[in-house]
Amino acid sequence: MDTPYEDHDVEVLDEAHCLALLRTVPLGRIAFTEGALPAVQPVAFAVGAGELFIPTRTGSKVAAASRGAVVAFEVDDFDAGALTGWNVTVIGASRVISDPAGVRRLDEFGVKPWPPADAHCYIGIQTQLVRGRRISRRSTPVDGVPVAPNGAPHTALPA
């Protein structure tokens, strides 16, 4: 009996590839603790050197929960019909950036809070642990390199 995934491969992505994929989507999800319970919220974000920046409403639940706490952040892209896609998770210590000079500097990324907010601050998440994986079909090109049914890259025969 065939399983829906028998012609799929799972690839563990290195940190550089994960960080590149982070820059390809406009929204992610932050996982944090709210009242001793896990909470997940969709957010806009920007990628900086060694840190993610999330604009949020000043006084929001995520801002209150992110004062030095370790949080997780996730982005993904998938094709539900083809059962393919990728995901990246970042885990790190968080901080709230609310001083006006810091907020103005981060506003230069051009990322707006999602949902919109009149007064906002930023959550910074250090990229201390970065993990990712991709699920692809063996016959589907991965990063522009055609893949044979056995999962090996196709190579051109010498002329």
N, C-alpha and C. Protein backbone atom coordinates (compact mmCIF):
# COMPACT_ATOMS: atom_id res chain seq x y z
N MET A 1 0.84 -1.18 0.00
CA MET A 1 0.00 0.00 0.00
C MET A 1 0.89 1.25 0.00
N ASP A 2 0.57 2.17 -0.88
CA ASP A 2 1.35 3.41 -0.95
C ASP A 2 0.92 4.37 0.14
N THR A 3 1.89 5.06 0.71
CA THR A 3 1.56 6.14 1.64
C THR A 3 1.69 7.45 0.89
N PRO A 4 0.99 8.50 1.33
CA PRO A 4 1.07 9.76 0.58
C PRO A 4 2.46 10.37 0.57
N TYR A 5 3.36 9.93 1.46
CA TYR A 5 4.67 10.54 1.54
C TYR A 5 5.79 9.67 1.01
N GLU A 6 5.50 8.49 0.44
CA GLU A 6 6.59 7.61 0.09
C GLU A 6 7.48 8.17 -1.03
N ASP A 7 6.99 9.11 -1.82
CA ASP A 7 7.82 9.72 -2.86
C ASP A 7 8.34 11.10 -2.44
N HIS A 8 8.39 11.34 -1.12
CA HIS A 8 8.85 12.62 -0.58
C HIS A 8 10.14 12.44 0.20
N ASP A 9 10.93 13.49 0.24
CA ASP A 9 12.14 13.51 1.05
C ASP A 9 12.03 14.62 2.09
N VAL A 10 12.62 14.39 3.24
CA VAL A 10 12.72 15.42 4.28
C VAL A 10 14.18 15.82 4.36
N GLU A 11 14.43 17.10 4.20
CA GLU A 11 15.79 17.65 4.23
C GLU A 11 15.91 18.58 5.43
N VAL A 12 16.92 18.37 6.26
CA VAL A 12 17.21 19.28 7.35
C VAL A 12 18.03 20.43 6.76
N LEU A 13 17.59 21.66 7.01
CA LEU A 13 18.22 22.84 6.43
C LEU A 13 19.28 23.40 7.36
N ASP A 14 20.38 23.89 6.80
CA ASP A 14 21.40 24.51 7.65
C ASP A 14 20.97 25.93 8.02
N GLU A 15 21.68 26.51 8.96
CA GLU A 15 21.30 27.82 9.49
C GLU A 15 21.29 28.90 8.40
N ALA A 16 22.27 28.89 7.52
CA ALA A 16 22.32 29.92 6.46
C ALA A 16 21.09 29.83 5.56
N HIS A 17 20.69 28.61 5.20
CA HIS A 17 19.52 28.43 4.35
C HIS A 17 18.26 28.87 5.10
N CYS A 18 18.17 28.53 6.38
CA CYS A 18 17.02 28.95 7.20
C CYS A 18 16.91 30.47 7.25
N LEU A 19 18.02 31.14 7.48
CA LEU A 19 17.99 32.61 7.57
C LEU A 19 17.61 33.22 6.24
N ALA A 20 18.03 32.62 5.13
CA ALA A 20 17.63 33.12 3.81
C ALA A 20 16.12 32.93 3.61
N LEU A 21 15.58 31.80 4.02
CA LEU A 21 14.14 31.56 3.87
C LEU A 21 13.31 32.51 4.73
N LEU A 22 13.84 32.90 5.88
CA LEU A 22 13.12 33.86 6.74
C LEU A 22 12.79 35.14 5.98
N ARG A 23 13.66 35.53 5.09
CA ARG A 23 13.50 36.79 4.36
C ARG A 23 12.50 36.69 3.20
N THR A 24 11.92 35.50 2.96
CA THR A 24 11.05 35.32 1.80
C THR A 24 9.56 35.44 2.12
N VAL A 25 9.21 35.58 3.39
CA VAL A 25 7.79 35.66 3.77
C VAL A 25 7.54 36.89 4.63
N PRO A 26 6.35 37.49 4.53
CA PRO A 26 6.08 38.73 5.28
C PRO A 26 5.57 38.53 6.70
N LEU A 27 5.00 37.37 6.99
CA LEU A 27 4.42 37.12 8.31
C LEU A 27 4.95 35.82 8.89
N GLY A 28 5.05 35.80 10.21
CA GLY A 28 5.44 34.59 10.93
C GLY A 28 4.56 34.46 12.16
N ARG A 29 4.94 33.54 13.04
CA ARG A 29 4.20 33.33 14.28
C ARG A 29 5.17 33.35 15.45
N ILE A 30 4.82 34.09 16.48
CA ILE A 30 5.62 34.09 17.69
C ILE A 30 4.90 33.24 18.73
N ALA A 31 5.65 32.37 19.39
CA ALA A 31 5.12 31.54 20.47
C ALA A 31 5.71 32.06 21.77
N PHE A 32 4.85 32.35 22.71
CA PHE A 32 5.28 32.93 23.98
C PHE A 32 4.39 32.40 25.09
N THR A 33 4.70 32.76 26.31
CA THR A 33 3.90 32.33 27.45
C THR A 33 3.03 33.49 27.92
N GLU A 34 1.75 33.21 28.09
CA GLU A 34 0.79 34.21 28.56
C GLU A 34 0.02 33.60 29.73
N GLY A 35 0.23 34.13 30.92
CA GLY A 35 -0.45 33.60 32.10
C GLY A 35 -0.12 32.14 32.33
N ALA A 36 1.12 31.75 32.16
CA ALA A 36 1.63 30.39 32.35
C ALA A 36 1.11 29.40 31.32
N LEU A 37 0.49 29.90 30.24
CA LEU A 37 0.00 29.04 29.17
C LEU A 37 0.67 29.41 27.85
N PRO A 38 0.86 28.45 26.95
CA PRO A 38 1.45 28.79 25.65
C PRO A 38 0.47 29.60 24.81
N ALA A 39 1.01 30.55 24.06
CA ALA A 39 0.21 31.38 23.16
C ALA A 39 0.98 31.54 21.86
N VAL A 40 0.26 31.64 20.75
CA VAL A 40 0.86 31.83 19.43
C VAL A 40 0.11 32.95 18.74
N GLN A 41 0.86 33.85 18.13
CA GLN A 41 0.25 35.02 17.49
C GLN A 41 0.93 35.30 16.16
N PRO A 42 0.15 35.58 15.09
CA PRO A 42 0.79 35.97 13.83
C PRO A 42 1.35 37.38 13.94
N VAL A 43 2.53 37.59 13.33
CA VAL A 43 3.20 38.89 13.41
C VAL A 43 3.97 39.19 12.13
N ALA A 44 4.11 40.47 11.83
CA ALA A 44 5.04 40.93 10.80
C ALA A 44 6.43 40.95 11.45
N PHE A 45 7.48 40.94 10.64
CA PHE A 45 8.82 40.91 11.22
C PHE A 45 9.85 41.37 10.20
N ALA A 46 11.03 41.67 10.71
CA ALA A 46 12.19 42.00 9.89
C ALA A 46 13.37 41.20 10.43
N VAL A 47 14.30 40.88 9.55
CA VAL A 47 15.49 40.12 9.93
C VAL A 47 16.67 41.07 10.00
N GLY A 48 17.31 41.13 11.15
CA GLY A 48 18.51 41.95 11.34
C GLY A 48 19.70 41.03 11.56
N ALA A 49 20.82 41.59 11.89
CA ALA A 49 22.04 40.81 12.15
C ALA A 49 21.92 40.11 13.50
N GLY A 50 21.68 38.80 13.47
CA GLY A 50 21.61 38.02 14.70
C GLY A 50 20.34 38.21 15.51
N GLU A 51 19.34 38.89 14.93
CA GLU A 51 18.13 39.17 15.70
C GLU A 51 16.95 39.39 14.75
N LEU A 52 15.78 38.95 15.17
CA LEU A 52 14.53 39.25 14.47
C LEU A 52 13.87 40.41 15.19
N PHE A 53 13.16 41.25 14.44
CA PHE A 53 12.47 42.39 15.04
C PHE A 53 11.00 42.34 14.65
N ILE A 54 10.14 42.39 15.67
CA ILE A 54 8.70 42.29 15.48
C ILE A 54 8.06 43.56 16.00
N PRO A 55 7.44 44.34 15.11
CA PRO A 55 6.72 45.52 15.60
C PRO A 55 5.40 45.07 16.23
N THR A 56 5.06 45.65 17.35
CA THR A 56 3.82 45.29 18.04
C THR A 56 3.28 46.51 18.78
N ARG A 57 2.01 46.46 19.11
CA ARG A 57 1.38 47.56 19.82
C ARG A 57 2.02 47.70 21.21
N THR A 58 2.32 48.92 21.58
CA THR A 58 2.85 49.18 22.92
C THR A 58 1.82 48.70 23.94
N GLY A 59 2.27 47.90 24.89
CA GLY A 59 1.37 47.36 25.90
C GLY A 59 0.66 46.08 25.49
N SER A 60 0.99 45.53 24.33
CA SER A 60 0.33 44.30 23.88
C SER A 60 0.73 43.11 24.76
N LYS A 61 -0.02 42.03 24.65
CA LYS A 61 0.30 40.83 25.43
C LYS A 61 1.66 40.27 25.05
N VAL A 62 1.98 40.29 23.76
CA VAL A 62 3.28 39.76 23.34
C VAL A 62 4.42 40.64 23.84
N ALA A 63 4.22 41.94 23.90
CA ALA A 63 5.26 42.83 24.44
C ALA A 63 5.45 42.56 25.93
N ALA A 64 4.36 42.40 26.65
CA ALA A 64 4.45 42.14 28.09
C ALA A 64 5.14 40.80 28.37
N ALA A 65 4.91 39.81 27.52
CA ALA A 65 5.46 38.48 27.73
C ALA A 65 6.89 38.35 27.22
N SER A 66 7.40 39.34 26.53
CA SER A 66 8.70 39.22 25.86
C SER A 66 9.82 39.98 26.55
N ARG A 67 9.69 40.28 27.77
CA ARG A 67 10.73 41.01 28.48
C ARG A 67 11.76 40.04 29.04
N GLY A 68 12.70 39.62 28.17
CA GLY A 68 13.77 38.72 28.59
C GLY A 68 13.41 37.25 28.50
N ALA A 69 12.19 36.92 28.16
CA ALA A 69 11.77 35.52 28.09
C ALA A 69 12.34 34.85 26.83
N VAL A 70 12.52 33.56 26.89
CA VAL A 70 12.88 32.79 25.71
C VAL A 70 11.58 32.52 24.96
N VAL A 71 11.56 32.85 23.68
CA VAL A 71 10.38 32.67 22.84
C VAL A 71 10.76 31.90 21.59
N ALA A 72 9.76 31.44 20.87
CA ALA A 72 9.99 30.77 19.59
C ALA A 72 9.29 31.57 18.50
N PHE A 73 9.84 31.52 17.31
CA PHE A 73 9.29 32.21 16.15
C PHE A 73 9.33 31.23 14.99
N GLU A 74 8.25 31.17 14.21
CA GLU A 74 8.17 30.20 13.11
C GLU A 74 7.62 30.85 11.86
N VAL A 75 8.20 30.45 10.71
CA VAL A 75 7.68 30.82 9.40
C VAL A 75 7.62 29.55 8.56
N ASP A 76 6.76 29.57 7.54
CA ASP A 76 6.68 28.40 6.67
C ASP A 76 6.06 28.79 5.34
N ASP A 77 6.14 27.86 4.43
CA ASP A 77 5.47 27.97 3.15
C ASP A 77 5.20 26.53 2.72
N PHE A 78 4.01 26.27 2.21
CA PHE A 78 3.70 24.89 1.86
C PHE A 78 2.67 24.83 0.74
N ASP A 79 2.60 23.67 0.12
CA ASP A 79 1.59 23.35 -0.88
C ASP A 79 0.82 22.16 -0.32
N ALA A 80 -0.36 22.40 0.21
CA ALA A 80 -1.13 21.35 0.86
C ALA A 80 -1.51 20.23 -0.11
N GLY A 81 -1.76 20.58 -1.37
CA GLY A 81 -2.12 19.57 -2.35
C GLY A 81 -0.96 18.65 -2.69
N ALA A 82 0.23 19.20 -2.81
CA ALA A 82 1.41 18.42 -3.17
C ALA A 82 2.11 17.82 -1.96
N LEU A 83 1.67 18.19 -0.76
CA LEU A 83 2.30 17.74 0.49
C LEU A 83 3.78 18.11 0.54
N THR A 84 4.10 19.33 0.09
CA THR A 84 5.47 19.81 0.10
C THR A 84 5.53 21.15 0.82
N GLY A 85 6.71 21.53 1.24
CA GLY A 85 6.88 22.83 1.87
C GLY A 85 8.11 22.86 2.76
N TRP A 86 8.23 23.94 3.49
CA TRP A 86 9.36 24.11 4.40
C TRP A 86 8.91 24.89 5.63
N ASN A 87 9.67 24.76 6.69
CA ASN A 87 9.44 25.58 7.87
C ASN A 87 10.77 25.90 8.53
N VAL A 88 10.80 27.05 9.19
CA VAL A 88 11.98 27.50 9.93
C VAL A 88 11.51 27.96 11.31
N THR A 89 12.23 27.54 12.34
CA THR A 89 11.94 27.95 13.71
C THR A 89 13.18 28.61 14.30
N VAL A 90 12.98 29.75 14.94
CA VAL A 90 14.04 30.46 15.65
C VAL A 90 13.66 30.48 17.13
N ILE A 91 14.61 30.16 17.98
CA ILE A 91 14.39 30.21 19.42
C ILE A 91 15.47 31.09 20.02
N GLY A 92 15.05 32.00 20.90
CA GLY A 92 16.04 32.87 21.52
C GLY A 92 15.45 33.77 22.58
N ALA A 93 16.34 34.42 23.29
CA ALA A 93 15.93 35.38 24.31
C ALA A 93 15.31 36.61 23.63
N SER A 94 14.31 37.15 24.25
CA SER A 94 13.62 38.31 23.68
C SER A 94 13.86 39.55 24.52
N ARG A 95 13.61 40.67 23.90
CA ARG A 95 13.70 41.95 24.60
C ARG A 95 12.70 42.91 23.97
N VAL A 96 12.26 43.87 24.75
CA VAL A 96 11.36 44.90 24.24
C VAL A 96 12.19 46.13 23.94
N ILE A 97 12.00 46.69 22.75
CA ILE A 97 12.70 47.91 22.34
C ILE A 97 11.64 49.00 22.24
N SER A 98 11.65 49.91 23.21
CA SER A 98 10.60 50.93 23.25
C SER A 98 11.13 52.36 23.30
N ASP A 99 12.45 52.51 23.43
CA ASP A 99 12.99 53.87 23.45
C ASP A 99 12.78 54.49 22.07
N PRO A 100 12.39 55.77 22.01
CA PRO A 100 12.05 56.41 20.73
C PRO A 100 13.14 56.31 19.67
N ALA A 101 14.42 56.45 20.04
CA ALA A 101 15.50 56.37 19.05
C ALA A 101 15.59 54.96 18.48
N GLY A 102 15.47 53.95 19.32
CA GLY A 102 15.52 52.56 18.86
C GLY A 102 14.34 52.23 17.96
N VAL A 103 13.16 52.71 18.32
CA VAL A 103 11.96 52.47 17.50
C VAL A 103 12.11 53.14 16.14
N ARG A 104 12.59 54.39 16.12
CA ARG A 104 12.79 55.09 14.83
C ARG A 104 13.79 54.34 13.95
N ARG A 105 14.86 53.85 14.55
CA ARG A 105 15.87 53.12 13.79
C ARG A 105 15.27 51.85 13.18
N LEU A 106 14.49 51.12 13.96
CA LEU A 106 13.87 49.89 13.46
C LEU A 106 12.73 50.16 12.48
N ASP A 107 12.10 51.32 12.60
CA ASP A 107 11.06 51.70 11.63
C ASP A 107 11.62 51.77 10.21
N GLU A 108 12.93 51.97 10.09
CA GLU A 108 13.56 52.04 8.77
C GLU A 108 13.47 50.72 8.01
N PHE A 109 13.21 49.60 8.70
CA PHE A 109 12.98 48.33 8.01
C PHE A 109 11.70 48.38 7.18
N GLY A 110 10.80 49.30 7.53
CA GLY A 110 9.54 49.43 6.79
C GLY A 110 8.48 48.41 7.15
N VAL A 111 8.66 47.70 8.25
CA VAL A 111 7.68 46.69 8.67
C VAL A 111 6.72 47.34 9.66
N LYS A 112 5.44 47.14 9.41
CA LYS A 112 4.39 47.71 10.26
C LYS A 112 3.81 46.63 11.17
N PRO A 113 3.34 47.02 12.36
CA PRO A 113 2.70 46.03 13.24
C PRO A 113 1.51 45.38 12.54
N TRP A 114 1.32 44.10 12.83
CA TRP A 114 0.18 43.38 12.28
C TRP A 114 -0.53 42.69 13.41
N PRO A 115 -1.70 43.12 13.80
CA PRO A 115 -2.53 44.16 13.19
C PRO A 115 -1.98 45.57 13.46
N PRO A 116 -2.48 46.56 12.70
CA PRO A 116 -1.98 47.93 12.85
C PRO A 116 -2.12 48.46 14.29
N ALA A 117 -1.21 49.35 14.64
CA ALA A 117 -1.23 49.95 15.99
C ALA A 117 -0.83 51.41 15.89
N ASP A 118 -1.46 52.25 16.70
CA ASP A 118 -1.10 53.68 16.72
C ASP A 118 0.29 53.88 17.32
N ALA A 119 0.50 53.34 18.51
CA ALA A 119 1.80 53.44 19.19
C ALA A 119 2.41 52.04 19.22
N HIS A 120 3.65 51.93 18.78
CA HIS A 120 4.25 50.61 18.76
C HIS A 120 5.66 50.60 19.31
N CYS A 121 6.09 49.40 19.66
CA CYS A 121 7.46 49.13 20.08
C CYS A 121 7.91 47.93 19.25
N TYR A 122 9.07 47.39 19.56
CA TYR A 122 9.55 46.20 18.85
C TYR A 122 9.95 45.14 19.85
N ILE A 123 9.76 43.90 19.45
CA ILE A 123 10.29 42.76 20.17
C ILE A 123 11.53 42.32 19.39
N GLY A 124 12.64 42.21 20.06
CA GLY A 124 13.85 41.66 19.46
C GLY A 124 14.01 40.22 19.92
N ILE A 125 14.26 39.31 18.99
CA ILE A 125 14.50 37.90 19.34
C ILE A 125 15.88 37.52 18.82
N GLN A 126 16.77 37.15 19.72
CA GLN A 126 18.10 36.71 19.31
C GLN A 126 17.97 35.38 18.57
N THR A 127 18.71 35.22 17.49
CA THR A 127 18.67 33.99 16.71
C THR A 127 19.68 32.99 17.30
N GLN A 128 19.37 32.52 18.52
CA GLN A 128 20.29 31.63 19.22
C GLN A 128 20.21 30.19 18.72
N LEU A 129 19.02 29.75 18.34
CA LEU A 129 18.83 28.40 17.81
C LEU A 129 17.95 28.52 16.58
N VAL A 130 18.46 28.07 15.45
CA VAL A 130 17.74 28.18 14.18
C VAL A 130 17.65 26.79 13.57
N ARG A 131 16.42 26.34 13.31
CA ARG A 131 16.21 25.01 12.74
C ARG A 131 15.23 25.11 11.58
N GLY A 132 15.39 24.22 10.62
CA GLY A 132 14.44 24.19 9.52
C GLY A 132 14.48 22.87 8.79
N ARG A 133 13.41 22.64 8.04
CA ARG A 133 13.36 21.45 7.21
C ARG A 133 12.50 21.72 6.00
N ARG A 134 12.73 20.91 4.98
CA ARG A 134 11.96 21.02 3.74
C ARG A 134 11.47 19.62 3.38
N ILE A 135 10.21 19.54 2.99
CA ILE A 135 9.64 18.30 2.47
C ILE A 135 9.39 18.54 0.99
N SER A 136 10.01 17.71 0.14
CA SER A 136 9.86 17.87 -1.30
C SER A 136 9.64 16.52 -1.95
N ARG A 137 9.06 16.55 -3.14
CA ARG A 137 8.92 15.33 -3.92
C ARG A 137 10.25 15.03 -4.59
N ARG A 138 10.58 13.79 -4.68
CA ARG A 138 11.87 13.40 -5.27
C ARG A 138 11.98 13.82 -6.72
N SER A 139 10.87 13.87 -7.43
CA SER A 139 10.93 14.23 -8.85
C SER A 139 10.83 15.73 -9.08
N THR A 140 10.70 16.50 -8.01
CA THR A 140 10.56 17.94 -8.11
C THR A 140 11.91 18.61 -7.96
N PRO A 141 12.24 19.59 -8.81
CA PRO A 141 13.51 20.30 -8.63
C PRO A 141 13.56 20.98 -7.25
N VAL A 142 14.69 20.90 -6.61
CA VAL A 142 14.92 21.55 -5.33
C VAL A 142 15.98 22.62 -5.55
N ASP A 143 15.65 23.87 -5.33
CA ASP A 143 16.58 24.98 -5.53
C ASP A 143 17.15 24.98 -6.95
N GLY A 144 16.31 24.61 -7.94
CA GLY A 144 16.73 24.67 -9.33
C GLY A 144 17.52 23.48 -9.83
N VAL A 145 17.79 22.49 -8.97
CA VAL A 145 18.54 21.31 -9.38
C VAL A 145 17.55 20.16 -9.54
N PRO A 146 17.37 19.63 -10.76
CA PRO A 146 16.44 18.50 -10.94
C PRO A 146 16.89 17.31 -10.11
N VAL A 147 15.90 16.57 -9.57
CA VAL A 147 16.19 15.43 -8.71
C VAL A 147 15.64 14.18 -9.36
N ALA A 148 16.45 13.12 -9.38
CA ALA A 148 16.04 11.84 -9.95
C ALA A 148 15.08 11.14 -8.99
N PRO A 149 14.35 10.11 -9.47
CA PRO A 149 13.44 9.39 -8.59
C PRO A 149 14.11 8.80 -7.36
N ASN A 150 15.40 8.48 -7.43
CA ASN A 150 16.09 7.93 -6.26
C ASN A 150 16.56 9.02 -5.29
N GLY A 151 16.28 10.29 -5.59
CA GLY A 151 16.64 11.38 -4.71
C GLY A 151 17.98 12.01 -5.03
N ALA A 152 18.75 11.43 -5.94
CA ALA A 152 20.06 11.98 -6.30
C ALA A 152 19.90 13.07 -7.36
N PRO A 153 20.72 14.11 -7.32
CA PRO A 153 20.64 15.15 -8.36
C PRO A 153 20.96 14.55 -9.73
N HIS A 154 20.24 15.00 -10.75
CA HIS A 154 20.56 14.59 -12.12
C HIS A 154 21.89 15.19 -12.51
N THR A 155 22.70 14.43 -13.19
CA THR A 155 23.96 14.96 -13.70
C THR A 155 23.94 14.84 -15.22
N ALA A 156 24.53 15.79 -15.86
CA ALA A 156 24.58 15.79 -17.32
C ALA A 156 25.65 14.81 -17.77
N LEU A 157 25.35 14.09 -18.82
CA LEU A 157 26.34 13.18 -19.41
C LEU A 157 27.35 14.00 -20.19
N PRO A 158 28.63 13.57 -20.22
CA PRO A 158 29.62 14.30 -21.01
C PRO A 158 29.26 14.26 -22.49
N ALA A 159 29.55 15.33 -23.20
CA ALA A 159 29.22 15.41 -24.64
C ALA A 159 30.18 14.61 -25.46
